Amino acid sequence: MAYIDYVSYDDASPALRELFDKYKSPDKAVPANIVRIAGYNPKAMDFHVQFYRAIMFGKSPLSRQQREMIAVVVSALNNCHY
């Protein structure tokens, strides 16, 4: 559970709704909580998602599986459930 309230889709500004729509999951769900927390600053949220996608899906000597394993270990070390 985050200490920062999430911005709901219904309460989102037009700019934020546009980003929520842009970054929805394939099943059309609002973006993950980690992204929704950044909803108070839509520009930061947009950069966050772009940064994440570059790290996790961009060209790298690490495989996608290796990147996910690193993310899991770092999250566990930080007691983060994301």
C-alpha atoms as a PDB file:
ATOM      1  CA  MET A   1       0.000   0.000   0.000  1.00  0.00           C
ATOM      2  CA  ALA A   2       1.402   3.387  -0.976  1.00  0.00           C
ATOM      3  CA  TYR A   3       1.583   6.320   1.398  1.00  0.00           C
ATOM      4  CA  ILE A   4       0.567   8.611  -1.441  1.00  0.00           C
ATOM      5  CA  ASP A   5      -3.034   8.556  -2.586  1.00  0.00           C
ATOM      6  CA  TYR A   6      -3.577   7.546  -6.171  1.00  0.00           C
ATOM      7  CA  VAL A   7      -5.323   9.805  -8.641  1.00  0.00           C
ATOM      8  CA  SER A   8      -8.370   7.969  -9.897  1.00  0.00           C
ATOM      9  CA  TYR A   9      -9.337   8.039 -13.539  1.00  0.00           C
ATOM     10  CA  ASP A  10     -12.533   9.903 -12.665  1.00  0.00           C
ATOM     11  CA  ASP A  11     -10.611  12.599 -10.763  1.00  0.00           C
ATOM     12  CA  ALA A  12      -7.828  12.930 -13.333  1.00  0.00           C
ATOM     13  CA  SER A  13      -7.256  16.114 -15.284  1.00  0.00           C
ATOM     14  CA  PRO A  14      -7.715  15.893 -19.059  1.00  0.00           C
ATOM     15  CA  ALA A  15      -3.926  15.701 -19.527  1.00  0.00           C
ATOM     16  CA  LEU A  16      -3.643  12.892 -16.981  1.00  0.00           C
ATOM     17  CA  ARG A  17      -6.583  10.978 -18.459  1.00  0.00           C
ATOM     18  CA  GLU A  18      -4.826  11.119 -21.812  1.00  0.00           C
ATOM     19  CA  LEU A  19      -1.744   9.524 -20.230  1.00  0.00           C
ATOM     20  CA  PHE A  20      -3.827   6.925 -18.392  1.00  0.00           C
ATOM     21  CA  ASP A  21      -5.409   6.021 -21.728  1.00  0.00           C
ATOM     22  CA  LYS A  22      -1.994   5.945 -23.422  1.00  0.00           C
ATOM     23  CA  TYR A  23      -0.459   3.636 -20.807  1.00  0.00           C
ATOM     24  CA  LYS A  24      -3.388   1.298 -20.099  1.00  0.00           C
ATOM     25  CA  SER A  25      -2.613  -2.370 -19.936  1.00  0.00           C
ATOM     26  CA  PRO A  26      -3.772  -4.591 -22.808  1.00  0.00           C
ATOM     27  CA  ASP A  27      -6.890  -5.457 -20.795  1.00  0.00           C
ATOM     28  CA  LYS A  28      -7.717  -1.701 -20.697  1.00  0.00           C
ATOM     29  CA  ALA A  29      -7.061  -1.383 -16.960  1.00  0.00           C
ATOM     30  CA  VAL A  30      -5.773   1.899 -15.587  1.00  0.00           C
ATOM     31  CA  PRO A  31      -1.968   1.803 -15.308  1.00  0.00           C
ATOM     32  CA  ALA A  32      -0.281   0.046 -12.411  1.00  0.00           C
ATOM     33  CA  ASN A  33      -0.291   1.712  -9.006  1.00  0.00           C
ATOM     34  CA  ILE A  34       3.363   2.669  -9.310  1.00  0.00           C
ATOM     35  CA  VAL A  35       2.454   4.734 -12.370  1.00  0.00           C
ATOM     36  CA  ARG A  36      -0.761   6.115 -10.871  1.00  0.00           C
ATOM     37  CA  ILE A  37       1.159   7.522  -7.885  1.00  0.00           C
ATOM     38  CA  ALA A  38       2.972   9.839 -10.293  1.00  0.00           C
ATOM     39  CA  GLY A  39      -0.399  11.122 -11.476  1.00  0.00           C
ATOM     40  CA  TYR A  40       0.006  14.270  -9.429  1.00  0.00           C
ATOM     41  CA  ASN A  41       2.655  15.279 -11.930  1.00  0.00           C
ATOM     42  CA  PRO A  42       1.627  14.028 -15.386  1.00  0.00           C
ATOM     43  CA  LYS A  43       4.873  15.137 -17.028  1.00  0.00           C
ATOM     44  CA  ALA A  44       6.896  13.159 -14.482  1.00  0.00           C
ATOM     45  CA  MET A  45       4.587  10.171 -14.953  1.00  0.00           C
ATOM     46  CA  ASP A  46       5.152  10.276 -18.700  1.00  0.00           C
ATOM     47  CA  PHE A  47       8.939  10.395 -18.238  1.00  0.00           C
ATOM     48  CA  HIS A  48       8.773   7.601 -15.651  1.00  0.00           C
ATOM     49  CA  VAL A  49       6.974   5.261 -18.054  1.00  0.00           C
ATOM     50  CA  GLN A  50       9.318   6.123 -20.920  1.00  0.00           C
ATOM     51  CA  PHE A  51      12.345   5.534 -18.668  1.00  0.00           C
ATOM     52  CA  TYR A  52      10.976   2.190 -17.455  1.00  0.00           C
ATOM     53  CA  ARG A  53      10.269   1.041 -20.996  1.00  0.00           C
ATOM     54  CA  ALA A  54      13.766   2.018 -22.127  1.00  0.00           C
ATOM     55  CA  ILE A  55      15.368   0.098 -19.259  1.00  0.00           C
ATOM     56  CA  MET A  56      13.182  -2.982 -19.488  1.00  0.00           C
ATOM     57  CA  PHE A  57      12.584  -3.235 -23.236  1.00  0.00           C
ATOM     58  CA  GLY A  58      15.391  -1.245 -24.887  1.00  0.00           C
ATOM     59  CA  LYS A  59      18.532  -2.672 -26.419  1.00  0.00           C
ATOM     60  CA  SER A  60      20.745  -4.156 -23.720  1.00  0.00           C
ATOM     61  CA  PRO A  61      23.324  -6.888 -23.176  1.00  0.00           C
ATOM     62  CA  LEU A  62      20.946  -8.235 -20.512  1.00  0.00           C
ATOM     63  CA  SER A  63      18.008 -10.402 -21.459  1.00  0.00           C
ATOM     64  CA  ARG A  64      14.477  -9.405 -20.532  1.00  0.00           C
ATOM     65  CA  GLN A  65      14.451 -12.208 -17.952  1.00  0.00           C
ATOM     66  CA  GLN A  66      17.690 -10.969 -16.382  1.00  0.00           C
ATOM     67  CA  ARG A  67      16.304  -7.449 -16.110  1.00  0.00           C
ATOM     68  CA  GLU A  68      13.160  -8.765 -14.418  1.00  0.00           C
ATOM     69  CA  MET A  69      15.246 -10.830 -11.994  1.00  0.00           C
ATOM     70  CA  ILE A  70      17.287  -7.743 -11.067  1.00  0.00           C
ATOM     71  CA  ALA A  71      14.075  -5.767 -10.516  1.00  0.00           C
ATOM     72  CA  VAL A  72      12.682  -8.499  -8.258  1.00  0.00           C
ATOM     73  CA  VAL A  73      15.856  -8.668  -6.157  1.00  0.00           C
ATOM     74  CA  VAL A  74      16.062  -4.872  -5.772  1.00  0.00           C
ATOM     75  CA  SER A  75      12.374  -4.693  -4.846  1.00  0.00           C
ATOM     76  CA  ALA A  76      12.809  -7.447  -2.265  1.00  0.00           C
ATOM     77  CA  LEU A  77      15.857  -5.742  -0.750  1.00  0.00           C
ATOM     78  CA  ASN A  78      13.847  -2.538  -0.456  1.00  0.00           C
ATOM     79  CA  ASN A  79      10.772  -4.317   0.959  1.00  0.00           C
ATOM     80  CA  CYS A  80       8.821  -3.069  -2.034  1.00  0.00           C
ATOM     81  CA  HIS A  81       5.984  -5.195  -3.379  1.00  0.00           C
ATOM     82  CA  TYR A  82       6.230  -3.675  -6.869  1.00  0.00           C
END
